[in-house]
Amino acid sequence: MLRIGLSLSFCISDLLKKGEGAQGYDAIVSCTNFDTPEQAFDAYYQNYWCDHEPEMVKALLHDIWGSLVQPRRMGGFMKSYSHNISAGHWVEVESMLELWKLLDDRNEAAGWPTRYWSSGS
């Protein structure tokens, strides 16, 4: 099983609180569009991570950066990518294909666009 985070801000906060570091997940799929970990830090530190030492947050961001998936950076129709996290911001799936289908199902249930990944059902 893959443990996938669905929110950069919430997942980093969880990893910091639990002391899991970069070991507590397989990937984070975020609706962000940051070029660097520093941009993410500047955008989110005050609102989400200010209970933690800045250097600790920056180190974790650098550690996870290679496993951060930001579909909005892929261009084309993905520039407007978003997914619904109202059912939680951590999921366990067998594959990344299963993840995309799950996210499409969540979006459909919330009345959001589902043009990204069709589950075929």
PDB file of N, CA and C in Angstrom:
ATOM      1  N   MET A   1       0.838  -1.197   0.000  1.00  0.00           N
ATOM      2  CA  MET A   1       0.000   0.000   0.000  1.00  0.00           C
ATOM      3  C   MET A   1       0.874   1.249   0.000  1.00  0.00           C
ATOM      4  N   LEU A   2       0.402   2.257  -0.694  1.00  0.00           N
ATOM      5  CA  LEU A   2       1.069   3.547  -0.721  1.00  0.00           C
ATOM      6  C   LEU A   2       0.311   4.508   0.193  1.00  0.00           C
ATOM      7  N   ARG A   3       1.009   5.230   1.016  1.00  0.00           N
ATOM      8  CA  ARG A   3       0.394   6.279   1.834  1.00  0.00           C
ATOM      9  C   ARG A   3       0.676   7.598   1.139  1.00  0.00           C
ATOM     10  N   ILE A   4      -0.407   8.249   0.684  1.00  0.00           N
ATOM     11  CA  ILE A   4      -0.295   9.474  -0.107  1.00  0.00           C
ATOM     12  C   ILE A   4      -0.971  10.624   0.631  1.00  0.00           C
ATOM     13  N   GLY A   5      -0.272  11.729   0.727  1.00  0.00           N
ATOM     14  CA  GLY A   5      -0.832  12.946   1.286  1.00  0.00           C
ATOM     15  C   GLY A   5      -1.454  13.780   0.183  1.00  0.00           C
ATOM     16  N   LEU A   6      -2.486  14.525   0.511  1.00  0.00           N
ATOM     17  CA  LEU A   6      -3.223  15.300  -0.487  1.00  0.00           C
ATOM     18  C   LEU A   6      -3.195  16.805  -0.233  1.00  0.00           C
ATOM     19  N   SER A   7      -2.408  17.244   0.725  1.00  0.00           N
ATOM     20  CA  SER A   7      -2.325  18.668   1.033  1.00  0.00           C
ATOM     21  C   SER A   7      -0.928  18.951   1.570  1.00  0.00           C
ATOM     22  N   LEU A   8      -0.180  19.771   0.858  1.00  0.00           N
ATOM     23  CA  LEU A   8       1.174  20.082   1.313  1.00  0.00           C
ATOM     24  C   LEU A   8       1.148  20.700   2.702  1.00  0.00           C
ATOM     25  N   SER A   9       0.295  21.675   2.916  1.00  0.00           N
ATOM     26  CA  SER A   9       0.271  22.373   4.209  1.00  0.00           C
ATOM     27  C   SER A   9      -0.121  21.441   5.353  1.00  0.00           C
ATOM     28  N   PHE A  10      -1.213  20.695   5.193  1.00  0.00           N
ATOM     29  CA  PHE A  10      -1.679  19.808   6.267  1.00  0.00           C
ATOM     30  C   PHE A  10      -0.741  18.628   6.489  1.00  0.00           C
ATOM     31  N   CYS A  11      -0.215  18.065   5.410  1.00  0.00           N
ATOM     32  CA  CYS A  11       0.649  16.887   5.545  1.00  0.00           C
ATOM     33  C   CYS A  11       1.985  17.236   6.190  1.00  0.00           C
ATOM     34  N   ILE A  12       2.569  18.356   5.811  1.00  0.00           N
ATOM     35  CA  ILE A  12       3.817  18.784   6.459  1.00  0.00           C
ATOM     36  C   ILE A  12       3.558  19.020   7.934  1.00  0.00           C
ATOM     37  N   SER A  13       2.432  19.645   8.256  1.00  0.00           N
ATOM     38  CA  SER A  13       2.074  19.869   9.654  1.00  0.00           C
ATOM     39  C   SER A  13       1.974  18.549  10.408  1.00  0.00           C
ATOM     40  N   ASP A  14       1.306  17.555   9.818  1.00  0.00           N
ATOM     41  CA  ASP A  14       1.188  16.234  10.450  1.00  0.00           C
ATOM     42  C   ASP A  14       2.552  15.594  10.666  1.00  0.00           C
ATOM     43  N   LEU A  15       3.384  15.620   9.647  1.00  0.00           N
ATOM     44  CA  LEU A  15       4.710  14.995   9.741  1.00  0.00           C
ATOM     45  C   LEU A  15       5.551  15.667  10.816  1.00  0.00           C
ATOM     46  N   LEU A  16       5.434  16.981  10.933  1.00  0.00           N
ATOM     47  CA  LEU A  16       6.167  17.706  11.978  1.00  0.00           C
ATOM     48  C   LEU A  16       5.643  17.338  13.368  1.00  0.00           C
ATOM     49  N   LYS A  17       4.324  17.306  13.523  1.00  0.00           N
ATOM     50  CA  LYS A  17       3.730  16.995  14.829  1.00  0.00           C
ATOM     51  C   LYS A  17       4.049  15.580  15.288  1.00  0.00           C
ATOM     52  N   LYS A  18       4.031  14.643  14.355  1.00  0.00           N
ATOM     53  CA  LYS A  18       4.268  13.243  14.707  1.00  0.00           C
ATOM     54  C   LYS A  18       5.744  12.882  14.734  1.00  0.00           C
ATOM     55  N   GLY A  19       6.586  13.794  14.287  1.00  0.00           N
ATOM     56  CA  GLY A  19       8.016  13.518  14.258  1.00  0.00           C
ATOM     57  C   GLY A  19       8.395  12.438  13.262  1.00  0.00           C
ATOM     58  N   GLU A  20       7.551  12.228  12.250  1.00  0.00           N
ATOM     59  CA  GLU A  20       7.809  11.180  11.267  1.00  0.00           C
ATOM     60  C   GLU A  20       8.844  11.584  10.229  1.00  0.00           C
ATOM     61  N   GLY A  21       9.047  12.888  10.082  1.00  0.00           N
ATOM     62  CA  GLY A  21       9.955  13.338   9.046  1.00  0.00           C
ATOM     63  C   GLY A  21       9.503  12.843   7.692  1.00  0.00           C
ATOM     64  N   ALA A  22      10.450  12.638   6.810  1.00  0.00           N
ATOM     65  CA  ALA A  22      10.141  12.231   5.444  1.00  0.00           C
ATOM     66  C   ALA A  22       9.847  10.739   5.337  1.00  0.00           C
ATOM     67  N   GLN A  23       9.787  10.015   6.442  1.00  0.00           N
ATOM     68  CA  GLN A  23       9.535   8.580   6.426  1.00  0.00           C
ATOM     69  C   GLN A  23       8.062   8.207   6.521  1.00  0.00           C
ATOM     70  N   GLY A  24       7.185   9.136   6.838  1.00  0.00           N
ATOM     71  CA  GLY A  24       5.799   8.796   7.148  1.00  0.00           C
ATOM     72  C   GLY A  24       4.844   8.730   5.979  1.00  0.00           C
ATOM     73  N   TYR A  25       5.332   8.683   4.730  1.00  0.00           N
ATOM     74  CA  TYR A  25       4.448   8.726   3.569  1.00  0.00           C
ATOM     75  C   TYR A  25       5.235   8.276   2.334  1.00  0.00           C
ATOM     76  N   ASP A  26       4.529   8.067   1.227  1.00  0.00           N
ATOM     77  CA  ASP A  26       5.184   7.705  -0.032  1.00  0.00           C
ATOM     78  C   ASP A  26       5.249   8.875  -1.008  1.00  0.00           C
ATOM     79  N   ALA A  27       4.237   9.729  -0.994  1.00  0.00           N
ATOM     80  CA  ALA A  27       4.216  10.910  -1.865  1.00  0.00           C
ATOM     81  C   ALA A  27       3.187  11.887  -1.320  1.00  0.00           C
ATOM     82  N   ILE A  28       3.318  13.127  -1.742  1.00  0.00           N
ATOM     83  CA  ILE A  28       2.302  14.142  -1.462  1.00  0.00           C
ATOM     84  C   ILE A  28       1.891  14.713  -2.818  1.00  0.00           C
ATOM     85  N   VAL A  29       0.594  14.672  -3.097  1.00  0.00           N
ATOM     86  CA  VAL A  29       0.034  15.253  -4.316  1.00  0.00           C
ATOM     87  C   VAL A  29      -0.678  16.527  -3.893  1.00  0.00           C
ATOM     88  N   SER A  30      -0.157  17.644  -4.330  1.00  0.00           N
ATOM     89  CA  SER A  30      -0.627  18.929  -3.840  1.00  0.00           C
ATOM     90  C   SER A  30      -1.162  19.802  -4.975  1.00  0.00           C
ATOM     91  N   CYS A  31      -2.129  20.628  -4.664  1.00  0.00           N
ATOM     92  CA  CYS A  31      -2.687  21.566  -5.645  1.00  0.00           C
ATOM     93  C   CYS A  31      -1.882  22.862  -5.665  1.00  0.00           C
ATOM     94  N   THR A  32      -0.603  22.759  -5.402  1.00  0.00           N
ATOM     95  CA  THR A  32       0.277  23.922  -5.381  1.00  0.00           C
ATOM     96  C   THR A  32       1.031  24.037  -6.695  1.00  0.00           C
ATOM     97  N   ASN A  33       1.772  25.138  -6.822  1.00  0.00           N
ATOM     98  CA  ASN A  33       2.582  25.365  -8.024  1.00  0.00           C
ATOM     99  C   ASN A  33       3.848  26.116  -7.625  1.00  0.00           C
ATOM    100  N   PHE A  34       4.630  25.501  -6.762  1.00  0.00           N
ATOM    101  CA  PHE A  34       5.857  26.126  -6.267  1.00  0.00           C
ATOM    102  C   PHE A  34       7.060  25.625  -7.045  1.00  0.00           C
ATOM    103  N   ASP A  35       8.000  26.529  -7.305  1.00  0.00           N
ATOM    104  CA  ASP A  35       9.259  26.155  -7.945  1.00  0.00           C
ATOM    105  C   ASP A  35      10.243  25.555  -6.959  1.00  0.00           C
ATOM    106  N   THR A  36      10.208  26.044  -5.720  1.00  0.00           N
ATOM    107  CA  THR A  36      11.226  25.658  -4.744  1.00  0.00           C
ATOM    108  C   THR A  36      10.607  25.424  -3.366  1.00  0.00           C
ATOM    109  N   PRO A  37      11.314  24.690  -2.520  1.00  0.00           N
ATOM    110  CA  PRO A  37      10.849  24.541  -1.134  1.00  0.00           C
ATOM    111  C   PRO A  37      10.764  25.887  -0.414  1.00  0.00           C
ATOM    112  N   GLU A  38      11.639  26.797  -0.781  1.00  0.00           N
ATOM    113  CA  GLU A  38      11.627  28.126  -0.153  1.00  0.00           C
ATOM    114  C   GLU A  38      10.333  28.872  -0.448  1.00  0.00           C
ATOM    115  N   GLN A  39       9.822  28.736  -1.665  1.00  0.00           N
ATOM    116  CA  GLN A  39       8.542  29.372  -2.005  1.00  0.00           C
ATOM    117  C   GLN A  39       7.420  28.791  -1.151  1.00  0.00           C
ATOM    118  N   ALA A  40       7.429  27.489  -0.965  1.00  0.00           N
ATOM    119  CA  ALA A  40       6.409  26.842  -0.133  1.00  0.00           C
ATOM    120  C   ALA A  40       6.514  27.344   1.306  1.00  0.00           C
ATOM    121  N   PHE A  41       7.719  27.419   1.812  1.00  0.00           N
ATOM    122  CA  PHE A  41       7.937  27.911   3.177  1.00  0.00           C
ATOM    123  C   PHE A  41       7.381  29.325   3.320  1.00  0.00           C
ATOM    124  N   ASP A  42       7.745  30.195   2.390  1.00  0.00           N
ATOM    125  CA  ASP A  42       7.300  31.596   2.466  1.00  0.00           C
ATOM    126  C   ASP A  42       5.782  31.714   2.398  1.00  0.00           C
ATOM    127  N   ALA A  43       5.142  30.860   1.612  1.00  0.00           N
ATOM    128  CA  ALA A  43       3.692  30.931   1.446  1.00  0.00           C
ATOM    129  C   ALA A  43       2.927  30.371   2.640  1.00  0.00           C
ATOM    130  N   TYR A  44       3.477  29.359   3.324  1.00  0.00           N
ATOM    131  CA  TYR A  44       2.700  28.624   4.318  1.00  0.00           C
ATOM    132  C   TYR A  44       3.190  28.718   5.770  1.00  0.00           C
ATOM    133  N   TYR A  45       4.400  29.142   5.984  1.00  0.00           N
ATOM    134  CA  TYR A  45       4.936  29.072   7.347  1.00  0.00           C
ATOM    135  C   TYR A  45       4.054  29.793   8.364  1.00  0.00           C
ATOM    136  N   GLN A  46       3.697  31.034   8.114  1.00  0.00           N
ATOM    137  CA  GLN A  46       2.944  31.821   9.105  1.00  0.00           C
ATOM    138  C   GLN A  46       1.580  31.230   9.434  1.00  0.00           C
ATOM    139  N   ASN A  47       0.905  30.642   8.450  1.00  0.00           N
ATOM    140  CA  ASN A  47      -0.455  30.140   8.667  1.00  0.00           C
ATOM    141  C   ASN A  47      -0.540  28.688   9.112  1.00  0.00           C
ATOM    142  N   TYR A  48       0.441  27.870   8.750  1.00  0.00           N
ATOM    143  CA  TYR A  48       0.316  26.434   9.006  1.00  0.00           C
ATOM    144  C   TYR A  48       1.414  25.833   9.884  1.00  0.00           C
ATOM    145  N   TRP A  49       2.608  26.365   9.811  1.00  0.00           N
ATOM    146  CA  TRP A  49       3.729  25.682  10.445  1.00  0.00           C
ATOM    147  C   TRP A  49       4.457  26.525  11.491  1.00  0.00           C
ATOM    148  N   CYS A  50       3.901  27.656  11.891  1.00  0.00           N
ATOM    149  CA  CYS A  50       4.614  28.589  12.772  1.00  0.00           C
ATOM    150  C   CYS A  50       4.830  28.040  14.183  1.00  0.00           C
ATOM    151  N   ASP A  51       4.201  26.935  14.537  1.00  0.00           N
ATOM    152  CA  ASP A  51       4.437  26.300  15.837  1.00  0.00           C
ATOM    153  C   ASP A  51       5.736  25.511  15.859  1.00  0.00           C
ATOM    154  N   HIS A  52       6.402  25.439  14.720  1.00  0.00           N
ATOM    155  CA  HIS A  52       7.638  24.661  14.598  1.00  0.00           C
ATOM    156  C   HIS A  52       8.795  25.580  14.229  1.00  0.00           C
ATOM    157  N   GLU A  53       9.980  25.179  14.598  1.00  0.00           N
ATOM    158  CA  GLU A  53      11.174  25.967  14.287  1.00  0.00           C
ATOM    159  C   GLU A  53      11.321  26.096  12.767  1.00  0.00           C
ATOM    160  N   PRO A  54      11.588  27.294  12.277  1.00  0.00           N
ATOM    161  CA  PRO A  54      11.717  27.499  10.829  1.00  0.00           C
ATOM    162  C   PRO A  54      12.732  26.561  10.167  1.00  0.00           C
ATOM    163  N   GLU A  55      13.868  26.357  10.806  1.00  0.00           N
ATOM    164  CA  GLU A  55      14.896  25.501  10.198  1.00  0.00           C
ATOM    165  C   GLU A  55      14.436  24.053  10.093  1.00  0.00           C
ATOM    166  N   MET A  56      13.643  23.609  11.055  1.00  0.00           N
ATOM    167  CA  MET A  56      13.099  22.246  11.029  1.00  0.00           C
ATOM    168  C   MET A  56      12.119  22.091   9.859  1.00  0.00           C
ATOM    169  N   VAL A  57      11.289  23.097   9.660  1.00  0.00           N
ATOM    170  CA  VAL A  57      10.320  23.082   8.558  1.00  0.00           C
ATOM    171  C   VAL A  57      11.047  23.111   7.218  1.00  0.00           C
ATOM    172  N   LYS A  58      12.028  23.985   7.102  1.00  0.00           N
ATOM    173  CA  LYS A  58      12.780  24.087   5.848  1.00  0.00           C
ATOM    174  C   LYS A  58      13.486  22.771   5.527  1.00  0.00           C
ATOM    175  N   ALA A  59      14.052  22.134   6.532  1.00  0.00           N
ATOM    176  CA  ALA A  59      14.744  20.858   6.309  1.00  0.00           C
ATOM    177  C   ALA A  59      13.765  19.788   5.824  1.00  0.00           C
ATOM    178  N   LEU A  60      12.575  19.724   6.431  1.00  0.00           N
ATOM    179  CA  LEU A  60      11.585  18.742   6.006  1.00  0.00           C
ATOM    180  C   LEU A  60      11.121  19.025   4.581  1.00  0.00           C
ATOM    181  N   LEU A  61      10.884  20.282   4.250  1.00  0.00           N
ATOM    182  CA  LEU A  61      10.477  20.626   2.885  1.00  0.00           C
ATOM    183  C   LEU A  61      11.529  20.173   1.872  1.00  0.00           C
ATOM    184  N   HIS A  62      12.786  20.390   2.186  1.00  0.00           N
ATOM    185  CA  HIS A  62      13.850  19.947   1.278  1.00  0.00           C
ATOM    186  C   HIS A  62      13.863  18.425   1.174  1.00  0.00           C
ATOM    187  N   ASP A  63      13.627  17.731   2.284  1.00  0.00           N
ATOM    188  CA  ASP A  63      13.625  16.263   2.279  1.00  0.00           C
ATOM    189  C   ASP A  63      12.499  15.686   1.427  1.00  0.00           C
ATOM    190  N   ILE A  64      11.322  16.314   1.465  1.00  0.00           N
ATOM    191  CA  ILE A  64      10.162  15.756   0.759  1.00  0.00           C
ATOM    192  C   ILE A  64      10.052  16.235  -0.687  1.00  0.00           C
ATOM    193  N   TRP A  65      10.828  17.242  -1.063  1.00  0.00           N
ATOM    194  CA  TRP A  65      10.604  17.914  -2.347  1.00  0.00           C
ATOM    195  C   TRP A  65      10.614  16.950  -3.532  1.00  0.00           C
ATOM    196  N   GLY A  66      11.458  15.951  -3.517  1.00  0.00           N
ATOM    197  CA  GLY A  66      11.528  14.998  -4.619  1.00  0.00           C
ATOM    198  C   GLY A  66      10.322  14.083  -4.729  1.00  0.00           C
ATOM    199  N   SER A  67       9.528  13.972  -3.666  1.00  0.00           N
ATOM    200  CA  SER A  67       8.329  13.126  -3.709  1.00  0.00           C
ATOM    201  C   SER A  67       7.045  13.959  -3.713  1.00  0.00           C
ATOM    202  N   LEU A  68       7.180  15.257  -3.951  1.00  0.00           N
ATOM    203  CA  LEU A  68       6.022  16.147  -4.057  1.00  0.00           C
ATOM    204  C   LEU A  68       5.557  16.184  -5.506  1.00  0.00           C
ATOM    205  N   VAL A  69       4.306  15.818  -5.726  1.00  0.00           N
ATOM    206  CA  VAL A  69       3.705  15.861  -7.061  1.00  0.00           C
ATOM    207  C   VAL A  69       2.808  17.090  -7.110  1.00  0.00           C
ATOM    208  N   GLN A  70       3.082  17.987  -8.060  1.00  0.00           N
ATOM    209  CA  GLN A  70       2.295  19.201  -8.227  1.00  0.00           C
ATOM    210  C   GLN A  70       1.712  19.210  -9.646  1.00  0.00           C
ATOM    211  N   PRO A  71       0.536  18.608  -9.833  1.00  0.00           N
ATOM    212  CA  PRO A  71      -0.026  18.527 -11.183  1.00  0.00           C
ATOM    213  C   PRO A  71      -0.146  19.863 -11.902  1.00  0.00           C
ATOM    214  N   ARG A  72      -0.343  20.947 -11.174  1.00  0.00           N
ATOM    215  CA  ARG A  72      -0.476  22.256 -11.824  1.00  0.00           C
ATOM    216  C   ARG A  72       0.794  22.667 -12.561  1.00  0.00           C
ATOM    217  N   ARG A  73       1.926  22.065 -12.205  1.00  0.00           N
ATOM    218  CA  ARG A  73       3.187  22.383 -12.873  1.00  0.00           C
ATOM    219  C   ARG A  73       3.327  21.634 -14.196  1.00  0.00           C
ATOM    220  N   MET A  74       2.398  20.714 -14.479  1.00  0.00           N
ATOM    221  CA  MET A  74       2.485  19.903 -15.695  1.00  0.00           C
ATOM    222  C   MET A  74       1.969  20.623 -16.931  1.00  0.00           C
ATOM    223  N   GLY A  75       1.269  21.730 -16.740  1.00  0.00           N
ATOM    224  CA  GLY A  75       0.770  22.495 -17.877  1.00  0.00           C
ATOM    225  C   GLY A  75      -0.519  21.938 -18.454  1.00  0.00           C
ATOM    226  N   GLY A  76      -0.931  22.506 -19.573  1.00  0.00           N
ATOM    227  CA  GLY A  76      -2.162  22.079 -20.234  1.00  0.00           C
ATOM    228  C   GLY A  76      -3.363  22.187 -19.312  1.00  0.00           C
ATOM    229  N   PHE A  77      -4.270  21.214 -19.424  1.00  0.00           N
ATOM    230  CA  PHE A  77      -5.486  21.258 -18.599  1.00  0.00           C
ATOM    231  C   PHE A  77      -5.175  21.066 -17.121  1.00  0.00           C
ATOM    232  N   MET A  78      -3.980  20.576 -16.803  1.00  0.00           N
ATOM    233  CA  MET A  78      -3.613  20.360 -15.398  1.00  0.00           C
ATOM    234  C   MET A  78      -3.339  21.670 -14.660  1.00  0.00           C
ATOM    235  N   LYS A  79      -3.192  22.783 -15.386  1.00  0.00           N
ATOM    236  CA  LYS A  79      -2.949  24.071 -14.723  1.00  0.00           C
ATOM    237  C   LYS A  79      -4.063  24.433 -13.751  1.00  0.00           C
ATOM    238  N   SER A  80      -5.263  23.928 -14.005  1.00  0.00           N
ATOM    239  CA  SER A  80      -6.392  24.230 -13.118  1.00  0.00           C
ATOM    240  C   SER A  80      -6.725  23.054 -12.208  1.00  0.00           C
ATOM    241  N   TYR A  81      -5.797  22.110 -12.060  1.00  0.00           N
ATOM    242  CA  TYR A  81      -6.032  20.906 -11.261  1.00  0.00           C
ATOM    243  C   TYR A  81      -6.375  21.240  -9.809  1.00  0.00           C
ATOM    244  N   SER A  82      -7.359  20.531  -9.265  1.00  0.00           N
ATOM    245  CA  SER A  82      -7.625  20.581  -7.826  1.00  0.00           C
ATOM    246  C   SER A  82      -8.316  19.283  -7.427  1.00  0.00           C
ATOM    247  N   HIS A  83      -8.209  18.955  -6.148  1.00  0.00           N
ATOM    248  CA  HIS A  83      -8.906  17.777  -5.632  1.00  0.00           C
ATOM    249  C   HIS A  83      -9.477  18.093  -4.260  1.00  0.00           C
ATOM    250  N   ASN A  84     -10.512  17.373  -3.920  1.00  0.00           N
ATOM    251  CA  ASN A  84     -11.266  17.611  -2.693  1.00  0.00           C
ATOM    252  C   ASN A  84     -10.650  16.813  -1.549  1.00  0.00           C
ATOM    253  N   ILE A  85     -10.366  17.490  -0.438  1.00  0.00           N
ATOM    254  CA  ILE A  85      -9.787  16.790   0.713  1.00  0.00           C
ATOM    255  C   ILE A  85     -10.749  16.747   1.903  1.00  0.00           C
ATOM    256  N   SER A  86     -12.025  17.009   1.657  1.00  0.00           N
ATOM    257  CA  SER A  86     -12.979  17.028   2.770  1.00  0.00           C
ATOM    258  C   SER A  86     -13.114  15.657   3.438  1.00  0.00           C
ATOM    259  N   ALA A  87     -12.779  14.584   2.730  1.00  0.00           N
ATOM    260  CA  ALA A  87     -12.841  13.235   3.309  1.00  0.00           C
ATOM    261  C   ALA A  87     -11.508  12.835   3.943  1.00  0.00           C
ATOM    262  N   GLY A  88     -10.592  13.781   4.031  1.00  0.00           N
ATOM    263  CA  GLY A  88      -9.300  13.520   4.643  1.00  0.00           C
ATOM    264  C   GLY A  88      -8.153  13.833   3.702  1.00  0.00           C
ATOM    265  N   HIS A  89      -7.005  14.142   4.293  1.00  0.00           N
ATOM    266  CA  HIS A  89      -5.864  14.517   3.461  1.00  0.00           C
ATOM    267  C   HIS A  89      -4.764  13.458   3.421  1.00  0.00           C
ATOM    268  N   TRP A  90      -5.065  12.256   3.905  1.00  0.00           N
ATOM    269  CA  TRP A  90      -4.192  11.089   3.736  1.00  0.00           C
ATOM    270  C   TRP A  90      -5.028   9.956   3.163  1.00  0.00           C
ATOM    271  N   VAL A  91      -4.490   9.235   2.197  1.00  0.00           N
ATOM    272  CA  VAL A  91      -5.158   8.060   1.646  1.00  0.00           C
ATOM    273  C   VAL A  91      -4.140   6.935   1.497  1.00  0.00           C
ATOM    274  N   GLU A  92      -4.650   5.721   1.496  1.00  0.00           N
ATOM    275  CA  GLU A  92      -3.817   4.562   1.195  1.00  0.00           C
ATOM    276  C   GLU A  92      -4.391   3.886  -0.037  1.00  0.00           C
ATOM    277  N   VAL A  93      -3.547   3.691  -1.027  1.00  0.00           N
ATOM    278  CA  VAL A  93      -3.962   3.115  -2.301  1.00  0.00           C
ATOM    279  C   VAL A  93      -2.926   2.091  -2.758  1.00  0.00           C
ATOM    280  N   GLU A  94      -3.346   1.229  -3.671  1.00  0.00           N
ATOM    281  CA  GLU A  94      -2.438   0.215  -4.214  1.00  0.00           C
ATOM    282  C   GLU A  94      -1.509   0.791  -5.275  1.00  0.00           C
ATOM    283  N   SER A  95      -1.980   1.819  -6.002  1.00  0.00           N
ATOM    284  CA  SER A  95      -1.191   2.374  -7.101  1.00  0.00           C
ATOM    285  C   SER A  95      -1.548   3.837  -7.306  1.00  0.00           C
ATOM    286  N   MET A  96      -0.724   4.525  -8.083  1.00  0.00           N
ATOM    287  CA  MET A  96      -1.026   5.923  -8.386  1.00  0.00           C
ATOM    288  C   MET A  96      -2.270   6.016  -9.272  1.00  0.00           C
ATOM    289  N   LEU A  97      -2.495   5.049 -10.146  1.00  0.00           N
ATOM    290  CA  LEU A  97      -3.713   5.055 -10.955  1.00  0.00           C
ATOM    291  C   LEU A  97      -4.945   4.980 -10.063  1.00  0.00           C
ATOM    292  N   GLU A  98      -4.897   4.132  -9.047  1.00  0.00           N
ATOM    293  CA  GLU A  98      -6.009   4.055  -8.099  1.00  0.00           C
ATOM    294  C   GLU A  98      -6.207   5.401  -7.394  1.00  0.00           C
ATOM    295  N   LEU A  99      -5.112   6.079  -7.085  1.00  0.00           N
ATOM    296  CA  LEU A  99      -5.207   7.398  -6.446  1.00  0.00           C
ATOM    297  C   LEU A  99      -5.963   8.376  -7.335  1.00  0.00           C
ATOM    298  N   TRP A 100      -5.589   8.470  -8.615  1.00  0.00           N
ATOM    299  CA  TRP A 100      -6.240   9.437  -9.499  1.00  0.00           C
ATOM    300  C   TRP A 100      -7.723   9.127  -9.639  1.00  0.00           C
ATOM    301  N   LYS A 101      -8.077   7.860  -9.702  1.00  0.00           N
ATOM    302  CA  LYS A 101      -9.492   7.485  -9.788  1.00  0.00           C
ATOM    303  C   LYS A 101     -10.229   7.853  -8.495  1.00  0.00           C
ATOM    304  N   LEU A 102      -9.600   7.617  -7.356  1.00  0.00           N
ATOM    305  CA  LEU A 102     -10.193   7.979  -6.065  1.00  0.00           C
ATOM    306  C   LEU A 102     -10.435   9.487  -5.983  1.00  0.00           C
ATOM    307  N   LEU A 103      -9.457  10.264  -6.413  1.00  0.00           N
ATOM    308  CA  LEU A 103      -9.608  11.726  -6.362  1.00  0.00           C
ATOM    309  C   LEU A 103     -10.725  12.191  -7.287  1.00  0.00           C
ATOM    310  N   ASP A 104     -10.838  11.587  -8.448  1.00  0.00           N
ATOM    311  CA  ASP A 104     -11.926  11.930  -9.356  1.00  0.00           C
ATOM    312  C   ASP A 104     -13.275  11.603  -8.721  1.00  0.00           C
ATOM    313  N   ASP A 105     -13.373  10.452  -8.064  1.00  0.00           N
ATOM    314  CA  ASP A 105     -14.613  10.072  -7.379  1.00  0.00           C
ATOM    315  C   ASP A 105     -14.949  11.062  -6.266  1.00  0.00           C
ATOM    316  N   ARG A 106     -13.952  11.488  -5.511  1.00  0.00           N
ATOM    317  CA  ARG A 106     -14.191  12.477  -4.448  1.00  0.00           C
ATOM    318  C   ARG A 106     -14.678  13.790  -5.032  1.00  0.00           C
ATOM    319  N   ASN A 107     -14.060  14.219  -6.129  1.00  0.00           N
ATOM    320  CA  ASN A 107     -14.483  15.466  -6.767  1.00  0.00           C
ATOM    321  C   ASN A 107     -15.920  15.363  -7.245  1.00  0.00           C
ATOM    322  N   GLU A 108     -16.263  14.228  -7.869  1.00  0.00           N
ATOM    323  CA  GLU A 108     -17.624  14.027  -8.354  1.00  0.00           C
ATOM    324  C   GLU A 108     -18.633  14.084  -7.202  1.00  0.00           C
ATOM    325  N   ALA A 109     -18.318  13.446  -6.086  1.00  0.00           N
ATOM    326  CA  ALA A 109     -19.210  13.445  -4.923  1.00  0.00           C
ATOM    327  C   ALA A 109     -19.421  14.850  -4.367  1.00  0.00           C
ATOM    328  N   ALA A 110     -18.413  15.706  -4.529  1.00  0.00           N
ATOM    329  CA  ALA A 110     -18.515  17.076  -4.027  1.00  0.00           C
ATOM    330  C   ALA A 110     -19.069  18.042  -5.069  1.00  0.00           C
ATOM    331  N   GLY A 111     -19.389  17.521  -6.259  1.00  0.00           N
ATOM    332  CA  GLY A 111     -19.902  18.380  -7.317  1.00  0.00           C
ATOM    333  C   GLY A 111     -18.813  19.157  -8.029  1.00  0.00           C
ATOM    334  N   TRP A 112     -17.582  18.699  -7.928  1.00  0.00           N
ATOM    335  CA  TRP A 112     -16.441  19.349  -8.584  1.00  0.00           C
ATOM    336  C   TRP A 112     -16.206  18.703  -9.939  1.00  0.00           C
ATOM    337  N   PRO A 113     -15.439  19.368 -10.812  1.00  0.00           N
ATOM    338  CA  PRO A 113     -15.119  18.769 -12.115  1.00  0.00           C
ATOM    339  C   PRO A 113     -14.373  17.440 -11.965  1.00  0.00           C
ATOM    340  N   THR A 114     -14.673  16.505 -12.866  1.00  0.00           N
ATOM    341  CA  THR A 114     -14.028  15.202 -12.832  1.00  0.00           C
ATOM    342  C   THR A 114     -13.344  14.900 -14.159  1.00  0.00           C
ATOM    343  N   ARG A 115     -12.929  15.904 -14.842  1.00  0.00           N
ATOM    344  CA  ARG A 115     -12.351  15.703 -16.180  1.00  0.00           C
ATOM    345  C   ARG A 115     -10.955  15.131 -16.154  1.00  0.00           C
ATOM    346  N   TYR A 116     -10.363  15.044 -14.994  1.00  0.00           N
ATOM    347  CA  TYR A 116      -8.955  14.673 -14.923  1.00  0.00           C
ATOM    348  C   TYR A 116      -8.701  13.201 -15.173  1.00  0.00           C
ATOM    349  N   TRP A 117      -9.402  12.334 -14.468  1.00  0.00           N
ATOM    350  CA  TRP A 117      -9.147  10.893 -14.558  1.00  0.00           C
ATOM    351  C   TRP A 117     -10.490  10.183 -14.511  1.00  0.00           C
ATOM    352  N   SER A 118     -10.817   9.519 -15.550  1.00  0.00           N
ATOM    353  CA  SER A 118     -12.089   8.815 -15.591  1.00  0.00           C
ATOM    354  C   SER A 118     -11.920   7.402 -15.055  1.00  0.00           C
ATOM    355  N   SER A 119     -12.763   7.035 -14.120  1.00  0.00           N
ATOM    356  CA  SER A 119     -12.697   5.675 -13.587  1.00  0.00           C
ATOM    357  C   SER A 119     -13.398   4.684 -14.505  1.00  0.00           C
ATOM    358  N   GLY A 120     -14.041   5.187 -15.530  1.00  0.00           N
ATOM    359  CA  GLY A 120     -14.708   4.309 -16.482  1.00  0.00           C
ATOM    360  C   GLY A 120     -16.038   3.782 -16.003  1.00  0.00           C
ATOM    361  N   SER A 121     -16.491   4.256 -14.846  1.00  0.00           N
ATOM    362  CA  SER A 121     -17.772   3.756 -14.339  1.00  0.00           C
ATOM    363  C   SER A 121     -18.862   4.785 -14.506  1.00  0.00           C
TER     364      SER A 121
END
